Amino acid sequence: MTRNRSEAERRGRRGETLAAWYLRLTGWRILAQRVKTARGEVDIVARRGRVLCFVEVKWRRDRRERDLAIDAYRLRRVAAAAEAIAAGFVRPGDEMRIDVLLLAPGCWPRRIANAWQPGA
């Protein structure tokens, strides 16, 4: 792994840790982190009541980069991974969704609730 790639990986892990704390502080229970599948990865699986949430976390250097960090391609990969692992977490009557949590130093997290709609 190159130095730049390993640094990006380290920052990404730090962002996921901060995101998990943010979610806990806003009432979510963390069920799993960094769940890898053949179809992709889910950064965080969280639950609040009857809502099961698969969370994609993006950490960027500044607010401008943060706000451009997610696109349809990345969301499709998260959706595929979430579909692959959902059976292990879902309960009857649950609402499932994919959220995105965008982070950057010096600014509040930006949360996009229900960021993925099938067929998008």
Protein backbone atom coordinates (compact mmCIF):
# COMPACT_ATOMS: atom_id res chain seq x y z
CA MET A 1 0.00 0.00 0.00
CA THR A 2 1.42 3.38 -0.93
CA ARG A 3 2.00 6.03 1.68
CA ASN A 4 -0.83 8.23 0.35
CA ARG A 5 -3.22 5.28 0.29
CA SER A 6 -2.31 4.22 3.82
CA GLU A 7 -2.78 7.80 5.03
CA ALA A 8 -6.19 7.95 3.35
CA GLU A 9 -7.09 4.63 4.98
CA ARG A 10 -6.06 5.97 8.39
CA ARG A 11 -8.14 9.12 7.93
CA GLY A 12 -11.08 7.04 6.75
CA ARG A 13 -10.95 4.84 9.83
CA ARG A 14 -10.77 7.93 12.04
CA GLY A 15 -13.80 9.32 10.24
CA GLU A 16 -15.71 6.09 10.82
CA THR A 17 -14.86 6.19 14.52
CA LEU A 18 -16.06 9.80 14.78
CA ALA A 19 -19.19 8.93 12.81
CA ALA A 20 -19.99 6.06 15.19
CA TRP A 21 -19.71 8.42 18.16
CA TYR A 22 -21.88 11.00 16.42
CA LEU A 23 -24.52 8.35 15.76
CA ARG A 24 -24.42 7.16 19.38
CA LEU A 25 -24.82 10.72 20.62
CA THR A 26 -27.89 11.16 18.39
CA GLY A 27 -29.61 8.03 19.71
CA TRP A 28 -28.39 5.26 17.41
CA ARG A 29 -27.04 1.91 18.56
CA ILE A 30 -24.08 0.66 16.54
CA LEU A 31 -24.57 -2.97 15.51
CA ALA A 32 -21.50 -3.42 13.30
CA GLN A 33 -18.69 -1.53 11.63
CA ARG A 34 -16.71 -2.16 8.45
CA VAL A 35 -18.79 -5.08 7.22
CA LYS A 36 -17.20 -6.37 4.01
CA THR A 37 -18.94 -8.44 1.38
CA ALA A 38 -18.05 -9.55 -2.13
CA ARG A 39 -20.33 -6.76 -3.36
CA GLY A 40 -18.86 -3.91 -1.32
CA GLU A 41 -18.58 -2.63 2.23
CA VAL A 42 -20.93 -1.07 4.74
CA ASP A 43 -19.11 1.32 7.06
CA ILE A 44 -21.65 1.26 9.91
CA VAL A 45 -24.83 -0.68 10.64
CA ALA A 46 -26.95 1.16 13.20
CA ARG A 47 -30.39 0.89 14.75
CA ARG A 48 -32.75 3.35 16.38
CA GLY A 49 -36.08 1.83 17.27
CA ARG A 50 -37.50 0.13 14.19
CA VAL A 51 -35.12 1.85 11.77
CA LEU A 52 -32.17 -0.22 10.57
CA CYS A 53 -29.63 2.01 8.90
CA PHE A 54 -26.65 1.19 6.71
CA VAL A 55 -24.35 4.20 6.91
CA GLU A 56 -21.72 5.23 4.37
CA VAL A 57 -19.09 7.52 5.93
CA LYS A 58 -16.96 9.93 3.93
CA TRP A 59 -14.13 11.96 5.51
CA ARG A 60 -12.63 14.80 3.51
CA ARG A 61 -10.11 17.56 4.16
CA ASP A 62 -12.55 20.46 3.92
CA ARG A 63 -16.23 21.29 3.57
CA ARG A 64 -16.12 21.70 -0.22
CA GLU A 65 -14.53 18.27 -0.76
CA ARG A 66 -16.87 16.79 1.86
CA ASP A 67 -19.97 17.94 0.03
CA LEU A 68 -18.78 16.29 -3.22
CA ALA A 69 -17.66 13.00 -1.68
CA ILE A 70 -20.66 10.83 -2.53
CA ASP A 71 -22.09 9.84 -5.89
CA ALA A 72 -24.51 7.33 -7.38
CA TYR A 73 -21.75 4.78 -8.08
CA ARG A 74 -20.68 4.68 -4.41
CA LEU A 75 -24.29 4.54 -3.25
CA ARG A 76 -25.00 1.57 -5.56
CA ARG A 77 -22.05 -0.32 -4.03
CA VAL A 78 -23.27 0.41 -0.49
CA ALA A 79 -26.79 -0.65 -1.47
CA ALA A 80 -25.49 -3.94 -2.90
CA ALA A 81 -23.46 -4.62 0.25
CA ALA A 82 -26.42 -3.69 2.48
CA GLU A 83 -28.66 -6.07 0.55
CA ALA A 84 -26.09 -8.85 1.04
CA ILE A 85 -25.97 -8.44 4.84
CA ALA A 86 -29.49 -7.20 5.65
CA ALA A 87 -30.84 -10.61 6.62
CA GLY A 88 -28.38 -10.76 9.51
CA PHE A 89 -29.71 -7.54 11.06
CA VAL A 90 -33.31 -6.96 10.00
CA ARG A 91 -36.28 -7.74 12.25
CA PRO A 92 -39.92 -8.05 11.24
CA GLY A 93 -41.46 -4.58 10.88
CA ASP A 94 -38.13 -2.77 10.43
CA GLU A 95 -37.70 0.13 8.08
CA MET A 96 -34.36 -0.15 6.28
CA ARG A 97 -32.50 2.75 4.76
CA ILE A 98 -29.09 3.91 3.64
CA ASP A 99 -27.73 7.14 5.10
CA VAL A 100 -24.57 9.03 4.28
CA LEU A 101 -22.53 10.84 6.90
CA LEU A 102 -20.10 13.40 5.48
CA LEU A 103 -17.32 14.66 7.76
CA ALA A 104 -14.56 17.25 7.56
CA PRO A 105 -12.43 18.99 10.17
CA GLY A 106 -13.90 22.13 11.70
CA CYS A 107 -17.52 21.65 10.64
CA TRP A 108 -20.56 19.75 11.82
CA PRO A 109 -21.26 16.40 10.21
CA ARG A 110 -23.62 16.51 7.24
CA ARG A 111 -26.11 13.67 7.28
CA ILE A 112 -28.08 12.63 4.25
CA ALA A 113 -30.93 10.45 5.53
CA ASN A 114 -32.37 7.86 3.16
CA ALA A 115 -29.80 8.75 0.50
CA TRP A 116 -30.46 5.75 -1.72
CA GLN A 117 -33.68 5.00 -3.50
CA PRO A 118 -33.85 1.72 -5.45
CA GLY A 119 -33.71 2.34 -9.16
CA ALA A 120 -31.74 5.58 -8.70
